[in-house]
Amino acid sequence: MNTYQVIDEPQHSKMSKVTVNPMWPLLSSMVGGALFGWLWFAVNSFALNSPNRGKELLTIVIALFVFVAAHVATGIFLNNGYLKGIPVDYVILILLCMKLVFSYKLFLMQMKSFSVYTHFEGKVANPVAGLILAYLAGRKVEFIVADFLLSWGQ
């Protein structure tokens, strides 16, 4: 006998036990840096097993490309004096806003799938370990990567 299935109904997978509310990877992007947050969004995308997983992963790849390009370009502009007279705080603010735009876009994409997931009684994991890891290590890793990319333009 065939059973009725909603097209958007999530299919549970082995990773479903690590599914978290997309608000937590967004918060980890703010607390621990975008690289950690985007990695958590990718893991959550597989855990949710959402129909938009391809779009979410493509958004993460584009975000990583823009992250690298923006930091390398900023390093080149700083070294060649094109940003002379512009306070460094404004340059940092532009880079930060770029990262948060991608994080918020991923949050919005995953929130739809998460709402359906919880509606069909999907289990949600506790995000505390991820937030602690983001706080303790995420920002340091992002600082090392950003420093390398900024100096790469020399």
N, C-alpha and C. Protein backbone atom coordinates (compact mmCIF):
# COMPACT_ATOMS: atom_id res chain seq x y z
N MET A 1 0.83 -1.18 0.00
CA MET A 1 0.00 0.00 0.00
C MET A 1 0.88 1.24 0.00
N ASN A 2 0.60 2.17 -0.89
CA ASN A 2 1.36 3.41 -0.98
C ASN A 2 0.88 4.37 0.09
N THR A 3 1.83 5.14 0.59
CA THR A 3 1.48 6.15 1.59
C THR A 3 1.63 7.53 0.95
N TYR A 4 0.88 8.45 1.48
CA TYR A 4 0.93 9.82 0.98
C TYR A 4 2.16 10.50 1.55
N GLN A 5 2.89 11.25 0.72
CA GLN A 5 4.07 11.96 1.18
C GLN A 5 4.06 13.37 0.60
N VAL A 6 4.31 14.34 1.45
CA VAL A 6 4.42 15.73 1.02
C VAL A 6 5.77 15.89 0.33
N ILE A 7 5.79 16.60 -0.79
CA ILE A 7 7.01 16.74 -1.57
C ILE A 7 8.14 17.36 -0.74
N ASP A 8 7.82 18.39 0.05
CA ASP A 8 8.84 19.08 0.84
C ASP A 8 9.18 18.36 2.14
N GLU A 9 8.49 17.26 2.44
CA GLU A 9 8.74 16.56 3.69
C GLU A 9 10.19 16.07 3.72
N PRO A 10 10.92 16.42 4.76
CA PRO A 10 12.32 16.02 4.80
C PRO A 10 12.48 14.51 4.99
N GLN A 11 13.47 13.97 4.32
CA GLN A 11 13.81 12.56 4.48
C GLN A 11 14.90 12.48 5.54
N HIS A 12 14.65 11.73 6.59
CA HIS A 12 15.63 11.62 7.66
C HIS A 12 16.85 10.87 7.17
N SER A 13 18.01 11.31 7.64
CA SER A 13 19.27 10.67 7.26
C SER A 13 20.06 10.37 8.52
N LYS A 14 21.24 9.81 8.35
CA LYS A 14 22.10 9.51 9.50
C LYS A 14 22.55 10.79 10.21
N MET A 15 22.61 11.88 9.48
CA MET A 15 23.06 13.15 10.06
C MET A 15 21.91 13.93 10.71
N SER A 16 20.70 13.43 10.65
CA SER A 16 19.56 14.17 11.18
C SER A 16 19.70 14.47 12.66
N LYS A 17 20.48 13.68 13.37
CA LYS A 17 20.61 13.91 14.81
C LYS A 17 21.44 15.15 15.16
N VAL A 18 22.12 15.74 14.15
CA VAL A 18 22.90 16.96 14.41
C VAL A 18 22.22 18.20 13.84
N THR A 19 20.97 18.09 13.46
CA THR A 19 20.22 19.23 12.93
C THR A 19 19.99 20.27 14.03
N VAL A 20 20.26 21.52 13.71
CA VAL A 20 20.00 22.61 14.64
C VAL A 20 19.18 23.68 13.94
N ASN A 21 18.57 24.54 14.72
CA ASN A 21 17.87 25.69 14.19
C ASN A 21 18.89 26.58 13.46
N PRO A 22 18.62 27.02 12.23
CA PRO A 22 19.59 27.84 11.48
C PRO A 22 19.97 29.15 12.18
N MET A 23 19.23 29.52 13.21
CA MET A 23 19.61 30.71 13.97
C MET A 23 20.98 30.51 14.63
N TRP A 24 21.29 29.28 15.02
CA TRP A 24 22.54 29.03 15.72
C TRP A 24 23.76 29.14 14.81
N PRO A 25 23.76 28.60 13.59
CA PRO A 25 24.90 28.88 12.71
C PRO A 25 25.03 30.38 12.37
N LEU A 26 23.89 31.08 12.28
CA LEU A 26 23.95 32.53 12.05
C LEU A 26 24.61 33.21 13.23
N LEU A 27 24.22 32.84 14.45
CA LEU A 27 24.83 33.42 15.64
C LEU A 27 26.31 33.07 15.72
N SER A 28 26.66 31.84 15.33
CA SER A 28 28.08 31.46 15.35
C SER A 28 28.88 32.25 14.32
N SER A 29 28.22 32.66 13.22
CA SER A 29 28.90 33.53 12.25
C SER A 29 29.23 34.87 12.87
N MET A 30 28.37 35.34 13.75
CA MET A 30 28.60 36.61 14.41
C MET A 30 29.63 36.50 15.53
N VAL A 31 29.57 35.40 16.27
CA VAL A 31 30.45 35.22 17.42
C VAL A 31 31.81 34.63 17.02
N GLY A 32 31.79 33.67 16.13
CA GLY A 32 33.01 32.94 15.81
C GLY A 32 33.54 33.14 14.42
N GLY A 33 32.98 34.04 13.67
CA GLY A 33 33.47 34.28 12.32
C GLY A 33 32.66 33.55 11.27
N ALA A 34 32.67 34.11 10.09
CA ALA A 34 31.85 33.60 9.00
C ALA A 34 32.30 32.22 8.53
N LEU A 35 33.59 31.95 8.54
CA LEU A 35 34.06 30.64 8.05
C LEU A 35 33.48 29.50 8.88
N PHE A 36 33.49 29.66 10.19
CA PHE A 36 32.91 28.64 11.06
C PHE A 36 31.40 28.54 10.84
N GLY A 37 30.75 29.70 10.74
CA GLY A 37 29.30 29.71 10.53
C GLY A 37 28.91 29.05 9.22
N TRP A 38 29.66 29.33 8.15
CA TRP A 38 29.34 28.73 6.86
C TRP A 38 29.58 27.23 6.87
N LEU A 39 30.61 26.78 7.59
CA LEU A 39 30.84 25.34 7.73
C LEU A 39 29.67 24.69 8.46
N TRP A 40 29.18 25.35 9.50
CA TRP A 40 28.04 24.82 10.26
C TRP A 40 26.78 24.82 9.40
N PHE A 41 26.60 25.85 8.59
CA PHE A 41 25.46 25.87 7.66
C PHE A 41 25.54 24.69 6.69
N ALA A 42 26.74 24.36 6.22
CA ALA A 42 26.90 23.22 5.30
C ALA A 42 26.55 21.91 5.99
N VAL A 43 27.03 21.71 7.20
CA VAL A 43 26.70 20.50 7.96
C VAL A 43 25.20 20.44 8.21
N ASN A 44 24.61 21.57 8.57
CA ASN A 44 23.18 21.61 8.85
C ASN A 44 22.36 21.34 7.58
N SER A 45 22.89 21.75 6.44
CA SER A 45 22.21 21.50 5.18
C SER A 45 22.11 20.00 4.91
N PHE A 46 23.20 19.28 5.16
CA PHE A 46 23.16 17.83 5.00
C PHE A 46 22.29 17.18 6.07
N ALA A 47 22.33 17.72 7.28
CA ALA A 47 21.52 17.16 8.37
C ALA A 47 20.03 17.34 8.10
N LEU A 48 19.65 18.51 7.58
CA LEU A 48 18.25 18.77 7.26
C LEU A 48 17.79 17.96 6.06
N ASN A 49 18.74 17.63 5.18
CA ASN A 49 18.41 16.90 3.95
C ASN A 49 17.34 17.66 3.16
N SER A 50 17.54 18.95 3.06
CA SER A 50 16.53 19.82 2.46
C SER A 50 16.56 19.74 0.94
N PRO A 51 15.45 20.07 0.30
CA PRO A 51 15.44 20.09 -1.16
C PRO A 51 16.29 21.23 -1.73
N ASN A 52 16.63 22.21 -0.92
CA ASN A 52 17.44 23.35 -1.37
C ASN A 52 18.92 23.17 -1.07
N ARG A 53 19.34 21.96 -0.73
CA ARG A 53 20.73 21.75 -0.33
C ARG A 53 21.72 22.20 -1.41
N GLY A 54 21.42 21.93 -2.66
CA GLY A 54 22.31 22.35 -3.74
C GLY A 54 22.47 23.86 -3.79
N LYS A 55 21.37 24.59 -3.64
CA LYS A 55 21.43 26.05 -3.64
C LYS A 55 22.20 26.57 -2.43
N GLU A 56 21.99 25.92 -1.28
CA GLU A 56 22.68 26.34 -0.07
C GLU A 56 24.19 26.13 -0.21
N LEU A 57 24.58 24.98 -0.72
CA LEU A 57 26.01 24.70 -0.90
C LEU A 57 26.63 25.61 -1.95
N LEU A 58 25.89 25.91 -3.01
CA LEU A 58 26.38 26.85 -4.02
C LEU A 58 26.56 28.24 -3.41
N THR A 59 25.65 28.65 -2.55
CA THR A 59 25.77 29.94 -1.87
C THR A 59 27.02 29.96 -0.99
N ILE A 60 27.31 28.85 -0.33
CA ILE A 60 28.51 28.77 0.51
C ILE A 60 29.77 28.86 -0.35
N VAL A 61 29.78 28.18 -1.48
CA VAL A 61 30.95 28.24 -2.38
C VAL A 61 31.15 29.67 -2.90
N ILE A 62 30.06 30.32 -3.29
CA ILE A 62 30.15 31.71 -3.76
C ILE A 62 30.64 32.61 -2.62
N ALA A 63 30.13 32.38 -1.41
CA ALA A 63 30.56 33.18 -0.27
C ALA A 63 32.05 33.01 0.00
N LEU A 64 32.55 31.77 -0.10
CA LEU A 64 33.98 31.54 0.10
C LEU A 64 34.81 32.22 -0.98
N PHE A 65 34.34 32.16 -2.22
CA PHE A 65 35.04 32.82 -3.32
C PHE A 65 35.09 34.33 -3.08
N VAL A 66 33.97 34.91 -2.71
CA VAL A 66 33.91 36.36 -2.46
C VAL A 66 34.78 36.71 -1.25
N PHE A 67 34.78 35.86 -0.23
CA PHE A 67 35.62 36.07 0.96
C PHE A 67 37.09 36.16 0.56
N VAL A 68 37.55 35.17 -0.22
CA VAL A 68 38.95 35.16 -0.64
C VAL A 68 39.26 36.36 -1.53
N ALA A 69 38.41 36.60 -2.52
CA ALA A 69 38.65 37.71 -3.46
C ALA A 69 38.65 39.05 -2.74
N ALA A 70 37.72 39.25 -1.81
CA ALA A 70 37.64 40.54 -1.11
C ALA A 70 38.87 40.77 -0.23
N HIS A 71 39.33 39.72 0.44
CA HIS A 71 40.50 39.90 1.30
C HIS A 71 41.78 40.09 0.49
N VAL A 72 41.94 39.36 -0.60
CA VAL A 72 43.12 39.54 -1.45
C VAL A 72 43.10 40.93 -2.08
N ALA A 73 41.95 41.35 -2.58
CA ALA A 73 41.84 42.69 -3.19
C ALA A 73 42.11 43.78 -2.16
N THR A 74 41.60 43.60 -0.95
CA THR A 74 41.85 44.58 0.11
C THR A 74 43.33 44.66 0.42
N GLY A 75 43.99 43.50 0.49
CA GLY A 75 45.43 43.50 0.72
C GLY A 75 46.19 44.21 -0.38
N ILE A 76 45.81 43.98 -1.62
CA ILE A 76 46.47 44.65 -2.75
C ILE A 76 46.23 46.16 -2.69
N PHE A 77 44.98 46.55 -2.43
CA PHE A 77 44.66 47.99 -2.36
C PHE A 77 45.41 48.67 -1.21
N LEU A 78 45.49 48.00 -0.06
CA LEU A 78 46.22 48.59 1.07
C LEU A 78 47.70 48.73 0.76
N ASN A 79 48.29 47.70 0.14
CA ASN A 79 49.73 47.74 -0.15
C ASN A 79 50.08 48.75 -1.23
N ASN A 80 49.19 49.00 -2.16
CA ASN A 80 49.46 49.96 -3.23
C ASN A 80 49.02 51.38 -2.90
N GLY A 81 48.44 51.57 -1.73
CA GLY A 81 48.07 52.90 -1.29
C GLY A 81 46.76 53.42 -1.82
N TYR A 82 45.95 52.56 -2.43
CA TYR A 82 44.67 53.01 -2.98
C TYR A 82 43.67 53.37 -1.88
N LEU A 83 43.86 52.82 -0.70
CA LEU A 83 42.94 53.10 0.40
C LEU A 83 43.53 54.09 1.40
N LYS A 84 44.53 54.83 0.94
CA LYS A 84 45.17 55.83 1.80
C LYS A 84 44.16 56.92 2.14
N GLY A 85 44.09 57.25 3.40
CA GLY A 85 43.16 58.28 3.84
C GLY A 85 41.80 57.73 4.28
N ILE A 86 41.55 56.45 3.98
CA ILE A 86 40.31 55.82 4.42
C ILE A 86 40.59 55.08 5.73
N PRO A 87 39.84 55.38 6.78
CA PRO A 87 40.08 54.67 8.05
C PRO A 87 39.91 53.16 7.88
N VAL A 88 40.80 52.41 8.50
CA VAL A 88 40.80 50.96 8.39
C VAL A 88 39.49 50.38 8.96
N ASP A 89 38.91 51.07 9.91
CA ASP A 89 37.64 50.58 10.49
C ASP A 89 36.55 50.45 9.43
N TYR A 90 36.53 51.37 8.48
CA TYR A 90 35.53 51.30 7.42
C TYR A 90 35.78 50.11 6.48
N VAL A 91 37.03 49.83 6.22
CA VAL A 91 37.38 48.69 5.37
C VAL A 91 36.95 47.39 6.08
N ILE A 92 37.23 47.29 7.36
CA ILE A 92 36.84 46.12 8.13
C ILE A 92 35.32 45.99 8.17
N LEU A 93 34.64 47.10 8.31
CA LEU A 93 33.17 47.09 8.34
C LEU A 93 32.58 46.58 7.03
N ILE A 94 33.16 46.98 5.91
CA ILE A 94 32.68 46.50 4.60
C ILE A 94 32.86 44.99 4.49
N LEU A 95 34.03 44.49 4.90
CA LEU A 95 34.28 43.05 4.85
C LEU A 95 33.32 42.29 5.77
N LEU A 96 33.07 42.84 6.95
CA LEU A 96 32.16 42.21 7.90
C LEU A 96 30.74 42.16 7.36
N CYS A 97 30.28 43.25 6.77
CA CYS A 97 28.93 43.29 6.21
C CYS A 97 28.77 42.28 5.07
N MET A 98 29.80 42.14 4.25
CA MET A 98 29.76 41.16 3.16
C MET A 98 29.58 39.75 3.71
N LYS A 99 30.29 39.44 4.78
CA LYS A 99 30.18 38.10 5.38
C LYS A 99 28.79 37.89 5.98
N LEU A 100 28.28 38.90 6.65
CA LEU A 100 26.97 38.76 7.29
C LEU A 100 25.83 38.66 6.27
N VAL A 101 25.98 39.29 5.12
CA VAL A 101 24.95 39.18 4.08
C VAL A 101 24.81 37.73 3.64
N PHE A 102 25.94 37.07 3.40
CA PHE A 102 25.89 35.66 3.01
C PHE A 102 25.35 34.78 4.13
N SER A 103 25.75 35.07 5.37
CA SER A 103 25.25 34.27 6.49
C SER A 103 23.74 34.42 6.65
N TYR A 104 23.25 35.64 6.51
CA TYR A 104 21.82 35.86 6.64
C TYR A 104 21.05 35.21 5.49
N LYS A 105 21.61 35.24 4.29
CA LYS A 105 20.98 34.58 3.14
C LYS A 105 20.87 33.07 3.40
N LEU A 106 21.92 32.47 3.93
CA LEU A 106 21.88 31.04 4.25
C LEU A 106 20.86 30.76 5.35
N PHE A 107 20.78 31.64 6.32
CA PHE A 107 19.78 31.50 7.38
C PHE A 107 18.37 31.47 6.79
N LEU A 108 18.08 32.41 5.91
CA LEU A 108 16.75 32.47 5.31
C LEU A 108 16.45 31.23 4.47
N MET A 109 17.46 30.74 3.76
CA MET A 109 17.26 29.55 2.93
C MET A 109 16.97 28.32 3.79
N GLN A 110 17.71 28.18 4.89
CA GLN A 110 17.53 26.99 5.72
C GLN A 110 16.32 27.06 6.63
N MET A 111 15.87 28.25 6.95
CA MET A 111 14.74 28.38 7.87
C MET A 111 13.47 27.75 7.31
N LYS A 112 13.28 27.84 6.00
CA LYS A 112 12.10 27.23 5.38
C LYS A 112 12.13 25.71 5.57
N SER A 113 13.27 25.11 5.28
CA SER A 113 13.39 23.66 5.43
C SER A 113 13.31 23.24 6.89
N PHE A 114 13.87 24.07 7.77
CA PHE A 114 13.83 23.74 9.19
C PHE A 114 12.40 23.78 9.72
N SER A 115 11.61 24.73 9.25
CA SER A 115 10.20 24.80 9.69
C SER A 115 9.44 23.55 9.30
N VAL A 116 9.66 23.08 8.09
CA VAL A 116 9.01 21.84 7.64
C VAL A 116 9.55 20.66 8.44
N TYR A 117 10.85 20.65 8.69
CA TYR A 117 11.49 19.57 9.45
C TYR A 117 10.89 19.44 10.84
N THR A 118 10.73 20.56 11.53
CA THR A 118 10.17 20.51 12.88
C THR A 118 8.68 20.21 12.86
N HIS A 119 7.99 20.62 11.80
CA HIS A 119 6.57 20.32 11.68
C HIS A 119 6.33 18.82 11.63
N PHE A 120 7.23 18.10 10.96
CA PHE A 120 7.11 16.66 10.86
C PHE A 120 7.89 15.95 11.98
N GLU A 121 8.02 16.65 13.10
CA GLU A 121 8.58 16.11 14.34
C GLU A 121 10.02 15.64 14.20
N GLY A 122 10.81 16.40 13.48
CA GLY A 122 12.24 16.10 13.39
C GLY A 122 12.93 16.47 14.68
N LYS A 123 13.92 15.71 15.05
CA LYS A 123 14.68 15.95 16.28
C LYS A 123 15.69 17.07 16.05
N VAL A 124 15.78 17.96 17.04
CA VAL A 124 16.69 19.11 16.96
C VAL A 124 17.77 18.94 18.02
N ALA A 125 19.03 19.10 17.60
CA ALA A 125 20.16 18.92 18.50
C ALA A 125 20.41 20.18 19.33
N ASN A 126 21.14 20.02 20.41
CA ASN A 126 21.53 21.12 21.27
C ASN A 126 22.74 21.83 20.64
N PRO A 127 22.67 23.15 20.43
CA PRO A 127 23.73 23.88 19.73
C PRO A 127 24.86 24.39 20.61
N VAL A 128 24.84 24.09 21.91
CA VAL A 128 25.80 24.70 22.83
C VAL A 128 27.25 24.36 22.47
N ALA A 129 27.52 23.11 22.12
CA ALA A 129 28.90 22.72 21.79
C ALA A 129 29.40 23.49 20.57
N GLY A 130 28.56 23.67 19.57
CA GLY A 130 28.95 24.42 18.39
C GLY A 130 29.23 25.88 18.69
N LEU A 131 28.40 26.47 19.54
CA LEU A 131 28.62 27.88 19.89
C LEU A 131 29.90 28.07 20.69
N ILE A 132 30.17 27.15 21.60
CA ILE A 132 31.40 27.24 22.40
C ILE A 132 32.62 27.09 21.49
N LEU A 133 32.56 26.13 20.58
CA LEU A 133 33.65 25.93 19.63
C LEU A 133 33.84 27.16 18.74
N ALA A 134 32.73 27.75 18.30
CA ALA A 134 32.82 28.97 17.48
C ALA A 134 33.47 30.09 18.26
N TYR A 135 33.07 30.24 19.52
CA TYR A 135 33.61 31.32 20.35
C TYR A 135 35.10 31.12 20.63
N LEU A 136 35.49 29.89 20.92
CA LEU A 136 36.87 29.63 21.31
C LEU A 136 37.84 29.55 20.12
N ALA A 137 37.39 28.98 19.01
CA ALA A 137 38.33 28.73 17.92
C ALA A 137 37.97 29.44 16.61
N GLY A 138 36.70 29.68 16.37
CA GLY A 138 36.28 30.20 15.07
C GLY A 138 36.90 31.52 14.68
N ARG A 139 36.88 32.48 15.56
CA ARG A 139 37.41 33.81 15.25
C ARG A 139 38.93 33.75 15.05
N LYS A 140 39.62 32.90 15.82
CA LYS A 140 41.07 32.78 15.67
C LYS A 140 41.43 32.19 14.31
N VAL A 141 40.70 31.18 13.89
CA VAL A 141 40.96 30.57 12.58
C VAL A 141 40.69 31.58 11.47
N GLU A 142 39.59 32.31 11.59
CA GLU A 142 39.28 33.31 10.56
C GLU A 142 40.33 34.41 10.53
N PHE A 143 40.84 34.80 11.68
CA PHE A 143 41.88 35.83 11.72
C PHE A 143 43.14 35.34 11.01
N ILE A 144 43.52 34.09 11.23
CA ILE A 144 44.71 33.53 10.58
C ILE A 144 44.52 33.49 9.07
N VAL A 145 43.35 33.02 8.62
CA VAL A 145 43.07 32.93 7.18
C VAL A 145 43.04 34.32 6.56
N ALA A 146 42.35 35.26 7.21
CA ALA A 146 42.26 36.62 6.68
C ALA A 146 43.63 37.29 6.62
N ASP A 147 44.44 37.08 7.65
CA ASP A 147 45.79 37.65 7.67
C ASP A 147 46.64 37.09 6.53
N PHE A 148 46.50 35.79 6.29
CA PHE A 148 47.23 35.17 5.18
C PHE A 148 46.77 35.75 3.84
N LEU A 149 45.45 35.89 3.66
CA LEU A 149 44.93 36.41 2.40
C LEU A 149 45.30 37.87 2.18
N LEU A 150 45.27 38.66 3.25
CA LEU A 150 45.65 40.08 3.13
C LEU A 150 47.12 40.23 2.78
N SER A 151 47.96 39.37 3.32
CA SER A 151 49.40 39.47 3.03
C SER A 151 49.75 38.80 1.70
N TRP A 152 48.84 38.01 1.16
CA TRP A 152 49.07 37.32 -0.11
C TRP A 152 49.17 38.31 -1.26
N GLY A 153 48.55 39.45 -1.11
CA GLY A 153 48.56 40.46 -2.15
C GLY A 153 49.85 41.26 -2.23
N GLN A 154 50.81 41.00 -1.37
CA GLN A 154 52.06 41.76 -1.36
C GLN A 154 53.01 41.29 -2.43
